[in-house]
Amino acid sequence: GPEVIVHCAALTNVDYCEKHEKESYEHTLESTRHVCELAIKCGARVVYISTDYVFDGNSGPYQENDTLNPINVYGKHKLLAEQLVRSSLIDYLVLRVTNVYGDEARGKNFVARIIQHCQQKQPICLKLPYDQFATPINANDIARAMFVLLSDKKTGIYHLASTDYMNRV
């Protein structure tokens, strides 16, 4: 079986999760439960990709041991999934990331969608949260950090972020 299972599946559209709580629960929590069961059966390590939405956003940047207080369905479900990983497994990594960017062939991430609209000369109306701050990180940097943490046999919760703390817009 696999030595490592990287679990990054979830509904990530925060507004959609608010309107479709049951679907969010199934995609985020139930999928995590299945991954944990599989990992136990085959003795694999689990890397769970989480989010900064486990915090309330009132006082960042956050440290790994800061008080958790999700304020929306997405954040609550990601926190429940983190807790499931931590309570079910001994050998795990929980990696909290925010504003991931990089090459995206499917156009799912925010930056890729903006570029796609511009290339197709389509009008775009943005409703952006000017009061939210984050530390965007490139997907390749996440992969490198994950490789190092796995190679060094680290376990626990880690925040992966850039050094730039900026407005999400």
Foldseek 3Di string as FASTA:
>chain_A
DDQEDEDEWFPDPQVVCQVVVVRRLCRQAVVLVVVLVVCVVVVHEYEYEAEPLQDPQPDDPDDPPDDGDHDGSNNVSRVVSVVVNVVRDDQYEYEYEPAEDDDDPVQPHDVSVVVVCVVVVHDDDDDFDQSGKHFYDYPVQVVVVVVVCVVVSHHDYDYDGHPDIGGPD
